[in-house]
Amino acid sequence: MEIDARTTPLQRTAPDHAPRSLTARLAALIAAYAPHDGTFELPVRGLRIARVSASPPHWNHGVHRACLSIVGQGAKSTRVGDAVYAIDESRMLVTTADLPVTGRVTRASPAEPFLCAQLELDPARIAVLTPRVFPRGLPKAVDGGALDTHDAPPEIVDAVVRLMQLIAHPDDIDLLAPLIVDEILIRLLRGPSGARVAQVGQDDSTTQRISRAVAWIRDHYLDPMTVESLARQVDMSPSTFHHHFRAVTSMSPLQCQKMLRLQEARRLMCVSAMDAQQACRSVGYVSASQFSREYARLFGDAPGRDVVKLRDQAVPLSRVAP
């Protein structure tokens, strides 16, 4: 949902006097611009917020963009493979590649909803800032996954608060937002995830190559795909590509495609009222029995029963491809 800072009545509801703690100030700003559950794109480029008023029992599946996630209120867990990354008011999440993940809000209620701000990591700006932060050479590339959780430094939380405060002053956004975003990126580069963040700005880094492959799978999840063709797209040998893809995402390229197909089938059954047979064919499956088996393996129940539960809980599901 797009918010127009010049016309929305929400800007008049933004708090005039900030609460004492930084996280409380952030929570108040997010609540002001997220009047109901959902994800909202803000006038500041790359900045979005989310509000969730309940803790669902199930995990949601999707592709997580390279971004910084800061929580103003509540808690959430993100899972990649067997690793679980928990964030709350004191912990932030840094994602340095487009990544297939599962996530679940673990602390939220109508009175105290989960409130989160996300800032996309801009590769172009990181490419400009990295040599200035590391004038003696880039830090050594870090192998492994593309997610990190750390204590949320007050300097970064304060910068996100100042970024959100610009929404009430739209004439200042174009002038001041880039400066605040640069400040946040510099602090990330100097922080515990600095080596991974630096790779976001390097087109030929392993992380960026795998990120491009994940983005291609997300945008073409219905198309035929081979590891060899994907490896050629990102200029890697098939064996090297397969190794690094699994190291970053904790799954194979074909497992990633399967997950995205099943996620879209789930959405079609919930939102478009398709039955399992229709959804199966719509996402490229030939065998209905194979579809049902793999669906139950991923989501924990047969398609029909799972969709009934999701509808009863009014769980929002987003499209796989943007």
Protein backbone atom coordinates (compact mmCIF):
# COMPACT_ATOMS: atom_id res chain seq x y z
CA MET A 1 0.00 0.00 0.00
CA GLU A 2 1.40 3.38 -1.02
CA ILE A 3 1.26 6.33 1.38
CA ASP A 4 1.24 9.86 -0.06
CA ALA A 5 2.87 12.05 2.57
CA ARG A 6 1.37 15.22 1.06
CA THR A 7 -2.25 14.12 1.20
CA THR A 8 -2.63 11.31 3.71
CA PRO A 9 -4.52 12.23 6.87
CA LEU A 10 -2.16 9.91 8.72
CA GLN A 11 0.59 12.51 8.78
CA ARG A 12 -1.50 14.56 11.20
CA THR A 13 -1.62 11.59 13.58
CA ALA A 14 2.15 11.19 13.81
CA PRO A 15 3.30 11.98 17.35
CA ASP A 16 4.45 15.55 17.93
CA HIS A 17 6.37 14.72 21.08
CA ALA A 18 8.59 11.64 20.95
CA PRO A 19 8.40 9.15 23.83
CA ARG A 20 11.50 8.70 25.91
CA SER A 21 13.00 5.50 24.53
CA LEU A 22 14.14 5.22 20.95
CA THR A 23 12.20 2.01 20.34
CA ALA A 24 9.05 3.58 21.75
CA ARG A 25 9.52 6.54 19.41
CA LEU A 26 9.99 4.15 16.51
CA ALA A 27 6.91 2.13 17.51
CA ALA A 28 4.80 5.30 17.72
CA LEU A 29 5.87 6.39 14.24
CA ILE A 30 5.21 2.97 12.71
CA ALA A 31 1.79 2.78 14.38
CA ALA A 32 0.94 6.24 13.03
CA TYR A 33 1.66 5.28 9.43
CA ALA A 34 0.39 1.68 9.64
CA PRO A 35 -3.26 2.14 10.71
CA HIS A 36 -4.08 -1.56 10.30
CA ASP A 37 -2.34 -4.88 9.73
CA GLY A 38 -0.30 -5.08 6.55
CA THR A 39 2.85 -3.84 4.86
CA PHE A 40 3.10 -0.19 3.82
CA GLU A 41 5.51 1.44 1.37
CA LEU A 42 6.54 4.88 2.63
CA PRO A 43 7.49 7.99 0.63
CA VAL A 44 11.14 7.48 1.60
CA ARG A 45 12.70 5.29 -1.10
CA GLY A 46 13.37 1.75 0.11
CA LEU A 47 11.59 2.20 3.45
CA ARG A 48 8.55 0.12 4.38
CA ILE A 49 6.80 -0.77 7.60
CA ALA A 50 4.72 -3.70 8.80
CA ARG A 51 2.04 -4.17 11.43
CA VAL A 52 0.74 -7.55 12.69
CA SER A 53 -1.80 -7.83 15.51
CA ALA A 54 -1.60 -11.57 16.24
CA SER A 55 0.96 -14.34 16.50
CA PRO A 56 -0.06 -16.99 13.94
CA PRO A 57 0.77 -20.62 14.78
CA HIS A 58 2.23 -21.31 11.35
CA TRP A 59 5.31 -20.11 9.48
CA ASN A 60 4.94 -17.94 6.35
CA HIS A 61 7.15 -18.64 3.35
CA GLY A 62 8.60 -16.11 0.92
CA VAL A 63 11.64 -14.30 -0.44
CA HIS A 64 13.27 -11.83 1.94
CA ARG A 65 14.94 -8.89 0.20
CA ALA A 66 18.36 -7.58 1.19
CA CYS A 67 17.47 -5.13 3.94
CA LEU A 68 17.81 -3.96 7.53
CA SER A 69 14.90 -4.90 9.81
CA ILE A 70 14.35 -2.90 13.01
CA VAL A 71 11.56 -3.74 15.48
CA GLY A 72 9.71 -1.02 17.37
CA GLN A 73 7.44 -3.44 19.24
CA GLY A 74 6.93 -7.20 19.38
CA ALA A 75 9.08 -10.08 18.17
CA LYS A 76 9.58 -12.22 15.08
CA SER A 77 11.60 -15.28 14.09
CA THR A 78 13.03 -15.91 10.62
CA ARG A 79 14.19 -19.37 9.63
CA VAL A 80 16.67 -20.37 6.91
CA GLY A 81 17.29 -24.10 6.85
CA ASP A 82 17.79 -25.19 10.45
CA ALA A 83 18.95 -21.76 11.64
CA VAL A 84 16.44 -19.47 13.38
CA TYR A 85 17.07 -15.72 13.73
CA ALA A 86 15.01 -13.97 16.42
CA ILE A 87 14.52 -10.21 16.56
CA ASP A 88 12.68 -7.92 18.95
CA GLU A 89 13.00 -4.37 20.29
CA SER A 90 16.65 -5.01 21.18
CA ARG A 91 17.80 -7.10 18.20
CA MET A 92 17.96 -6.19 14.50
CA LEU A 93 18.19 -8.40 11.41
CA VAL A 94 20.57 -7.70 8.52
CA THR A 95 19.81 -9.60 5.30
CA THR A 96 22.47 -9.23 2.61
CA ALA A 97 20.87 -11.19 -0.26
CA ASP A 98 17.45 -11.91 -1.71
CA LEU A 99 16.73 -15.07 0.21
CA PRO A 100 13.95 -17.69 0.45
CA VAL A 101 12.93 -17.79 4.12
CA THR A 102 10.14 -18.74 6.48
CA GLY A 103 9.04 -16.27 9.12
CA ARG A 104 6.64 -16.03 12.04
CA VAL A 105 5.64 -13.18 14.33
CA THR A 106 6.08 -14.59 17.84
CA ARG A 107 4.87 -11.68 19.99
CA ALA A 108 1.93 -9.53 18.96
CA SER A 109 -1.58 -8.65 20.12
CA PRO A 110 -4.28 -6.14 19.14
CA ALA A 111 -3.23 -3.96 22.08
CA GLU A 112 0.51 -4.28 21.36
CA PRO A 113 0.96 -5.24 17.68
CA PHE A 114 4.22 -6.25 16.08
CA LEU A 115 5.66 -3.09 14.49
CA CYS A 116 8.69 -3.28 12.22
CA ALA A 117 10.57 -0.98 9.82
CA GLN A 118 12.63 -2.32 6.92
CA LEU A 119 15.17 -0.39 4.87
CA GLU A 120 16.38 -1.98 1.63
CA LEU A 121 20.15 -2.14 1.20
CA ASP A 122 20.97 -0.11 -1.92
CA PRO A 123 23.88 -1.79 -3.78
CA ALA A 124 24.78 1.43 -5.62
CA ARG A 125 25.16 3.46 -2.43
CA ILE A 126 27.03 0.66 -0.68
CA ALA A 127 29.43 0.49 -3.64
CA VAL A 128 30.15 4.22 -3.20
CA LEU A 129 30.48 4.13 0.59
CA THR A 130 32.49 0.93 1.02
CA PRO A 131 35.86 2.32 -0.24
CA ARG A 132 35.41 5.33 2.03
CA VAL A 133 34.70 3.16 5.07
CA PHE A 134 37.52 0.76 4.16
CA PRO A 135 40.18 2.97 2.48
CA ARG A 136 42.87 0.30 2.95
CA GLY A 137 40.92 -2.41 1.16
CA LEU A 138 37.67 -4.31 1.41
CA PRO A 139 37.18 -6.71 4.32
CA LYS A 140 37.64 -10.39 3.59
CA ALA A 141 34.52 -11.98 2.14
CA VAL A 142 32.56 -14.01 4.67
CA ASP A 143 31.35 -17.48 3.71
CA GLY A 144 28.03 -18.85 4.86
CA GLY A 145 24.53 -17.45 5.14
CA ALA A 146 23.22 -14.01 4.32
CA LEU A 147 21.37 -13.31 7.59
CA ASP A 148 22.79 -11.83 10.80
CA THR A 149 21.16 -10.69 14.02
CA HIS A 150 22.82 -8.22 16.36
CA ASP A 151 21.98 -5.87 19.17
CA ALA A 152 20.31 -2.84 17.60
CA PRO A 153 22.70 0.09 18.22
CA PRO A 154 20.94 3.24 19.45
CA GLU A 155 22.68 5.20 16.68
CA ILE A 156 20.99 3.10 13.98
CA VAL A 157 17.58 3.10 15.71
CA ASP A 158 17.85 6.88 16.08
CA ALA A 159 18.68 7.25 12.38
CA VAL A 160 15.65 5.14 11.39
CA VAL A 161 13.48 7.30 13.66
CA ARG A 162 14.80 10.45 11.97
CA LEU A 163 14.18 8.90 8.57
CA MET A 164 10.55 8.20 9.46
CA GLN A 165 10.09 11.67 10.93
CA LEU A 166 10.79 13.10 7.46
CA ILE A 167 7.44 11.72 6.26
CA ALA A 168 5.68 14.58 8.04
CA HIS A 169 7.96 17.01 6.15
CA PRO A 170 7.74 15.87 2.51
CA ASP A 171 9.72 18.83 1.18
CA ASP A 172 12.73 17.59 3.17
CA ILE A 173 12.66 13.98 1.98
CA ASP A 174 14.65 14.36 -1.25
CA LEU A 175 17.30 16.48 0.47
CA LEU A 176 17.72 14.75 3.83
CA ALA A 177 16.67 11.12 3.37
CA PRO A 178 19.75 10.18 1.28
CA LEU A 179 22.01 11.60 3.99
CA ILE A 180 20.32 9.60 6.75
CA VAL A 181 20.32 6.44 4.62
CA ASP A 182 24.05 6.89 3.99
CA GLU A 183 24.56 7.24 7.75
CA ILE A 184 22.73 3.96 8.36
CA LEU A 185 24.72 2.16 5.66
CA ILE A 186 28.02 3.48 7.04
CA ARG A 187 27.13 2.26 10.53
CA LEU A 188 26.19 -1.15 9.10
CA LEU A 189 29.48 -1.33 7.21
CA ARG A 190 31.34 -0.56 10.43
CA GLY A 191 29.29 -3.06 12.42
CA PRO A 192 29.48 -6.84 12.93
CA SER A 193 27.89 -7.51 9.51
CA GLY A 194 30.20 -5.08 7.71
CA ALA A 195 31.97 -7.66 5.53
CA ARG A 196 28.66 -9.10 4.33
CA VAL A 197 27.10 -5.67 3.77
CA ALA A 198 30.15 -4.64 1.71
CA GLN A 199 29.50 -7.59 -0.63
CA VAL A 200 26.06 -6.16 -1.46
CA GLY A 201 27.84 -3.38 -3.34
CA GLN A 202 30.11 -5.73 -5.30
CA ASP A 203 28.45 -7.08 -8.46
CA ASP A 204 30.91 -9.96 -8.71
CA SER A 205 30.68 -11.05 -5.07
CA THR A 206 29.38 -14.53 -4.37
CA THR A 207 26.51 -13.15 -2.30
CA GLN A 208 25.32 -10.89 -5.10
CA ARG A 209 25.56 -13.64 -7.70
CA ILE A 210 23.44 -15.95 -5.56
CA SER A 211 21.05 -13.07 -4.86
CA ARG A 212 20.57 -12.55 -8.60
CA ALA A 213 19.90 -16.27 -9.04
CA VAL A 214 17.27 -16.22 -6.29
CA ALA A 215 15.66 -13.16 -7.87
CA TRP A 216 15.51 -14.95 -11.23
CA ILE A 217 13.88 -18.00 -9.66
CA ARG A 218 11.37 -15.74 -7.89
CA ASP A 219 10.45 -13.93 -11.10
CA HIS A 220 10.39 -17.08 -13.28
CA TYR A 221 9.27 -19.75 -10.83
CA LEU A 222 6.91 -21.24 -13.45
CA ASP A 223 9.62 -21.63 -16.10
CA PRO A 224 11.73 -24.75 -16.69
CA MET A 225 15.07 -24.43 -14.92
CA THR A 226 18.35 -26.27 -14.62
CA VAL A 227 21.29 -25.67 -12.33
CA GLU A 228 23.52 -25.39 -15.40
CA SER A 229 21.43 -22.59 -16.95
CA LEU A 230 21.30 -20.65 -13.68
CA ALA A 231 25.04 -21.05 -13.17
CA ARG A 232 25.70 -19.63 -16.65
CA GLN A 233 23.55 -16.59 -15.84
CA VAL A 234 25.72 -15.69 -12.86
CA ASP A 235 29.02 -16.74 -14.49
CA MET A 236 29.83 -19.64 -12.18
CA SER A 237 30.54 -23.30 -12.80
CA PRO A 238 27.59 -25.58 -11.94
CA SER A 239 29.40 -27.25 -9.03
CA THR A 240 30.61 -23.95 -7.54
CA PHE A 241 27.20 -22.36 -8.03
CA HIS A 242 25.38 -25.27 -6.38
CA HIS A 243 27.79 -25.20 -3.41
CA HIS A 244 27.46 -21.45 -2.81
CA PHE A 245 23.70 -21.41 -3.42
CA ARG A 246 23.22 -23.99 -0.68
CA ALA A 247 25.69 -22.22 1.63
CA VAL A 248 23.80 -18.92 1.32
CA THR A 249 20.20 -20.18 1.20
CA SER A 250 20.39 -23.57 2.99
CA MET A 251 18.60 -25.19 0.04
CA SER A 252 19.25 -26.18 -3.56
CA PRO A 253 18.01 -24.08 -6.52
CA LEU A 254 15.36 -26.69 -7.33
CA GLN A 255 14.17 -26.72 -3.71
CA CYS A 256 13.91 -22.93 -3.86
CA GLN A 257 11.79 -23.12 -7.01
CA LYS A 258 9.58 -25.79 -5.43
CA MET A 259 9.06 -23.69 -2.31
CA LEU A 260 8.01 -20.65 -4.35
CA ARG A 261 5.63 -22.70 -6.49
CA LEU A 262 3.97 -24.19 -3.42
CA GLN A 263 3.73 -20.78 -1.76
CA GLU A 264 1.97 -19.38 -4.82
CA ALA A 265 -0.38 -22.38 -4.93
CA ARG A 266 -1.26 -21.73 -1.29
CA ARG A 267 -2.02 -18.10 -2.07
CA LEU A 268 -4.17 -19.00 -5.08
CA MET A 269 -6.28 -21.38 -3.02
CA CYS A 270 -6.75 -18.82 -0.25
CA VAL A 271 -7.24 -15.66 -2.30
CA SER A 272 -8.60 -16.87 -5.64
CA ALA A 273 -10.69 -19.73 -4.24
CA MET A 274 -8.98 -22.32 -6.46
CA ASP A 275 -9.19 -25.96 -5.45
CA ALA A 276 -6.05 -28.07 -5.08
CA GLN A 277 -6.27 -29.46 -8.61
CA GLN A 278 -6.51 -25.99 -10.17
CA ALA A 279 -3.69 -24.58 -8.02
CA CYS A 280 -1.54 -27.60 -8.79
CA ARG A 281 -1.78 -27.01 -12.54
CA SER A 282 -1.42 -23.22 -12.19
CA VAL A 283 2.02 -23.49 -10.60
CA GLY A 284 3.43 -26.07 -13.00
CA TYR A 285 2.81 -29.41 -11.30
CA VAL A 286 1.79 -32.35 -13.50
CA SER A 287 1.12 -34.88 -10.74
CA ALA A 288 -1.59 -33.98 -8.22
CA SER A 289 -0.35 -36.63 -5.77
CA GLN A 290 3.19 -35.24 -5.91
CA PHE A 291 1.80 -31.74 -5.36
CA SER A 292 -0.17 -32.87 -2.28
CA ARG A 293 2.82 -34.73 -0.81
CA GLU A 294 5.22 -31.81 -1.25
CA TYR A 295 2.63 -29.30 -0.06
CA ALA A 296 2.06 -31.27 3.16
CA ARG A 297 5.81 -31.65 3.66
CA LEU A 298 6.34 -27.88 3.43
CA PHE A 299 3.24 -26.54 5.20
CA GLY A 300 2.51 -29.39 7.59
CA ASP A 301 -0.96 -30.36 6.32
CA ALA A 302 -2.87 -31.38 3.22
CA PRO A 303 -3.82 -28.48 0.90
CA GLY A 304 -7.54 -28.51 1.70
CA ARG A 305 -7.15 -28.58 5.50
CA ASP A 306 -4.33 -26.04 5.45
CA VAL A 307 -6.34 -23.53 3.41
CA VAL A 308 -9.37 -23.86 5.71
CA LYS A 309 -7.16 -23.00 8.70
CA LEU A 310 -5.61 -20.02 6.91
CA ARG A 311 -9.02 -18.64 5.94
CA ASP A 312 -10.30 -19.05 9.49
CA GLN A 313 -7.29 -17.11 10.76
CA ALA A 314 -7.59 -14.46 7.99
CA VAL A 315 -3.87 -14.76 7.27
CA PRO A 316 -2.65 -12.38 4.50
CA LEU A 317 -0.58 -14.06 1.77
CA SER A 318 1.43 -12.10 -0.79
CA ARG A 319 2.33 -12.97 -4.36
CA VAL A 320 5.60 -14.77 -4.99
CA ALA A 321 6.70 -12.51 -7.86
CA PRO A 322 6.64 -8.71 -7.47
